[in-house]
Amino acid sequence: MTITTERRRKEFESEALVHLDALYGLALRLSGGDEPRAEDLVQETFLKAYQAWDRFTVGTNCRAWLMTILRNTFINQFRQQQSRPAAVEFEALAERPSSTALYEADPEGRIFDRIIDDQVIRAIDELPEEFRVTVVLSDLEGLSYQEVSDLMGVPVGTVKSRLFRARKRLQEKLYEFAVEMGYLR
């Protein structure tokens, strides 16, 4: 191993590998909870990142750089598997009375802070891909609207719109669960 190769390996380990858990969590959410697929996605992300390490500026936001690689890898795999993305039925987004009560009780959509549970994760996994990715990046990974916008390659307004629609769907799906758990009456 040459000195340059050894230095590169050490830089990669200290800068990139510390984000393994965050990347796995993101990959797990993007893959709909499919653990083997998430592991493959993370492995491919790290392989691509290591191969492109000379293009990364040490000291900049490595986590965001890795998440971008992971997201792009996921999207490329998704496009290869399906000829077109899943359609969003806007009729399904129509407001129901039960979701109104949840929305009023939690107008910021912050229910995730209180009831992260298997049922919530399942509901997130069932969202259409563009909604699921947005919710995972924003609400679960804690990225700002601008960071999500940059990662997804869409305007900030699109991020906000997708989050609103995704949260609305989640509120509708999780209303009865929230009542059962005592979060709502």
Protein backbone atom coordinates (compact mmCIF):
# COMPACT_ATOMS: atom_id res chain seq x y z
CA MET A 1 0.00 0.00 0.00
CA THR A 2 1.44 3.35 -0.98
CA ILE A 3 1.47 6.36 1.31
CA THR A 4 -1.16 8.08 -0.84
CA THR A 5 -3.44 5.04 -0.73
CA GLU A 6 -2.99 4.72 3.03
CA ARG A 7 -3.74 8.44 3.56
CA ARG A 8 -6.81 8.18 1.33
CA ARG A 9 -8.08 5.17 3.28
CA LYS A 10 -7.58 6.93 6.63
CA GLU A 11 -9.28 10.11 5.41
CA PHE A 12 -12.21 8.08 4.10
CA GLU A 13 -12.53 6.16 7.37
CA SER A 14 -12.44 9.28 9.52
CA GLU A 15 -14.69 11.45 7.32
CA ALA A 16 -17.14 9.01 5.70
CA LEU A 17 -17.49 5.85 7.77
CA VAL A 18 -18.71 7.80 10.80
CA HIS A 19 -21.96 8.36 8.86
CA LEU A 20 -22.67 4.65 8.38
CA ASP A 21 -25.64 4.53 10.77
CA ALA A 22 -27.29 7.64 9.32
CA LEU A 23 -26.89 6.28 5.78
CA TYR A 24 -28.27 2.89 6.77
CA GLY A 25 -31.29 4.54 8.40
CA LEU A 26 -31.93 6.57 5.26
CA ALA A 27 -31.43 3.54 3.02
CA LEU A 28 -33.81 1.50 5.17
CA ARG A 29 -36.52 4.15 4.86
CA LEU A 30 -35.98 4.63 1.14
CA SER A 31 -36.13 0.89 0.52
CA GLY A 32 -39.40 0.53 2.40
CA GLY A 33 -37.83 -1.39 5.29
CA ASP A 34 -36.16 -4.01 3.08
CA GLU A 35 -33.00 -4.65 5.14
CA PRO A 36 -30.97 -6.56 2.50
CA ARG A 37 -31.76 -3.90 -0.09
CA ALA A 38 -30.81 -1.15 2.36
CA GLU A 39 -27.51 -2.89 3.13
CA ASP A 40 -26.76 -3.22 -0.59
CA LEU A 41 -27.62 0.43 -1.11
CA VAL A 42 -25.26 1.55 1.67
CA GLN A 43 -22.51 -0.74 0.42
CA GLU A 44 -22.83 0.63 -3.11
CA THR A 45 -22.89 4.17 -1.76
CA PHE A 46 -19.64 3.68 0.13
CA LEU A 47 -18.04 2.00 -2.87
CA LYS A 48 -18.98 4.93 -5.11
CA ALA A 49 -17.87 7.42 -2.47
CA TYR A 50 -14.49 5.75 -2.06
CA GLN A 51 -13.99 5.65 -5.81
CA ALA A 52 -14.81 9.37 -6.01
CA TRP A 53 -12.99 10.35 -2.81
CA ASP A 54 -10.49 12.49 -4.71
CA ARG A 55 -13.43 14.74 -5.74
CA PHE A 56 -14.54 15.30 -2.13
CA THR A 57 -13.11 18.26 -0.25
CA VAL A 58 -12.13 17.06 3.21
CA GLY A 59 -13.70 19.23 5.89
CA THR A 60 -16.90 19.98 3.95
CA ASN A 61 -20.27 18.34 4.65
CA CYS A 62 -19.45 14.68 4.07
CA ARG A 63 -22.84 13.50 5.39
CA ALA A 64 -24.74 15.51 2.78
CA TRP A 65 -22.34 14.34 0.05
CA LEU A 66 -22.86 10.69 1.03
CA MET A 67 -26.63 11.12 1.27
CA THR A 68 -26.64 12.60 -2.22
CA ILE A 69 -24.75 9.58 -3.54
CA LEU A 70 -27.13 7.24 -1.70
CA ARG A 71 -30.20 9.05 -2.98
CA ASN A 72 -28.93 9.08 -6.55
CA THR A 73 -28.05 5.39 -6.34
CA PHE A 74 -31.53 4.64 -5.02
CA ILE A 75 -33.20 6.67 -7.75
CA ASN A 76 -31.09 5.03 -10.47
CA GLN A 77 -32.01 1.59 -9.13
CA PHE A 78 -35.66 2.62 -8.90
CA ARG A 79 -35.64 3.84 -12.51
CA GLN A 80 -34.04 0.63 -13.68
CA GLN A 81 -36.67 -1.47 -11.89
CA GLN A 82 -39.66 0.49 -13.11
CA SER A 83 -40.29 2.15 -16.40
CA ARG A 84 -42.04 5.06 -14.68
CA PRO A 85 -42.57 6.23 -11.11
CA ALA A 86 -45.75 5.43 -9.22
CA ALA A 87 -48.59 7.84 -9.95
CA VAL A 88 -49.96 9.93 -7.13
CA GLU A 89 -53.73 9.92 -6.93
CA PHE A 90 -54.69 13.38 -5.80
CA GLU A 91 -58.24 12.23 -5.02
CA ALA A 92 -56.71 10.13 -2.25
CA LEU A 93 -55.40 13.35 -0.72
CA ALA A 94 -58.89 14.72 -0.11
CA GLU A 95 -59.35 15.82 3.48
CA ARG A 96 -61.34 13.51 5.73
CA PRO A 97 -62.94 14.66 8.98
CA SER A 98 -60.71 12.44 11.12
CA SER A 99 -57.53 13.94 9.67
CA THR A 100 -58.75 17.45 10.40
CA ALA A 101 -58.77 16.77 14.14
CA LEU A 102 -55.24 15.42 13.98
CA TYR A 103 -54.05 18.36 11.90
CA GLU A 104 -55.53 20.84 14.38
CA ALA A 105 -53.94 18.99 17.30
CA ASP A 106 -50.59 18.92 15.51
CA PRO A 107 -50.45 21.74 12.93
CA GLU A 108 -46.69 21.55 12.42
CA GLY A 109 -46.79 17.87 11.51
CA ARG A 110 -44.54 17.11 14.46
CA ILE A 111 -46.32 13.92 15.44
CA PHE A 112 -43.14 12.03 14.51
CA ASP A 113 -41.39 13.48 17.56
CA ARG A 114 -43.89 11.76 19.85
CA ILE A 115 -44.99 8.48 18.31
CA ILE A 116 -42.23 6.92 16.25
CA ASP A 117 -43.45 3.36 16.28
CA ASP A 118 -43.56 0.38 13.95
CA GLN A 119 -46.99 1.46 12.74
CA VAL A 120 -45.69 4.93 11.92
CA ILE A 121 -42.68 3.49 10.10
CA ARG A 122 -44.98 1.16 8.13
CA ALA A 123 -47.16 4.12 7.17
CA ILE A 124 -44.10 6.04 6.00
CA ASP A 125 -42.91 3.02 4.02
CA GLU A 126 -46.27 2.88 2.23
CA LEU A 127 -46.01 6.47 0.96
CA PRO A 128 -45.25 7.01 -2.74
CA GLU A 129 -41.50 7.28 -3.31
CA GLU A 130 -41.26 11.07 -3.76
CA PHE A 131 -43.27 11.66 -0.56
CA ARG A 132 -41.41 8.96 1.42
CA VAL A 133 -37.97 10.33 0.49
CA THR A 134 -38.99 13.87 1.45
CA VAL A 135 -40.43 12.82 4.83
CA VAL A 136 -37.43 10.65 5.65
CA LEU A 137 -34.92 13.37 4.83
CA SER A 138 -36.83 16.16 6.58
CA ASP A 139 -38.66 14.61 9.52
CA LEU A 140 -36.51 11.59 10.33
CA GLU A 141 -33.04 12.75 9.30
CA GLY A 142 -33.65 16.36 10.39
CA LEU A 143 -32.44 18.05 7.22
CA SER A 144 -33.60 21.59 6.43
CA TYR A 145 -35.92 22.33 3.50
CA GLN A 146 -32.93 23.70 1.60
CA GLU A 147 -30.83 20.60 2.27
CA VAL A 148 -33.69 18.34 1.14
CA SER A 149 -34.14 20.53 -1.92
CA ASP A 150 -30.46 20.22 -2.79
CA LEU A 151 -30.41 16.46 -2.23
CA MET A 152 -33.56 15.82 -4.26
CA GLY A 153 -32.81 18.35 -6.98
CA VAL A 154 -36.20 20.06 -6.66
CA PRO A 155 -37.22 23.59 -5.58
CA VAL A 156 -37.81 24.29 -1.88
CA GLY A 157 -41.49 24.90 -2.68
CA THR A 158 -41.77 21.35 -4.03
CA VAL A 159 -40.21 20.02 -0.84
CA LYS A 160 -42.75 21.92 1.27
CA SER A 161 -45.63 20.76 -0.92
CA ARG A 162 -44.53 17.12 -0.78
CA LEU A 163 -44.09 17.32 2.99
CA PHE A 164 -47.57 18.80 3.40
CA ARG A 165 -49.14 16.08 1.27
CA ALA A 166 -47.12 13.29 2.87
CA ARG A 167 -47.94 14.48 6.38
CA LYS A 168 -51.60 14.74 5.44
CA ARG A 169 -51.59 11.12 4.23
CA LEU A 170 -49.79 9.99 7.36
CA GLN A 171 -52.24 11.87 9.56
CA GLU A 172 -55.15 10.16 7.85
CA LYS A 173 -53.56 6.73 8.19
CA LEU A 174 -52.46 7.23 11.78
CA TYR A 175 -55.44 9.05 13.29
CA GLU A 176 -56.99 5.98 14.95
CA PHE A 177 -53.57 4.81 16.13
CA ALA A 178 -52.97 8.20 17.77
CA VAL A 179 -56.34 7.99 19.55
CA GLU A 180 -55.59 4.44 20.77
CA MET A 181 -52.18 5.53 22.08
CA GLY A 182 -53.74 8.48 23.92
CA TYR A 183 -52.07 11.19 21.85
CA LEU A 184 -55.51 12.44 20.74
CA ARG A 185 -58.95 12.18 22.30
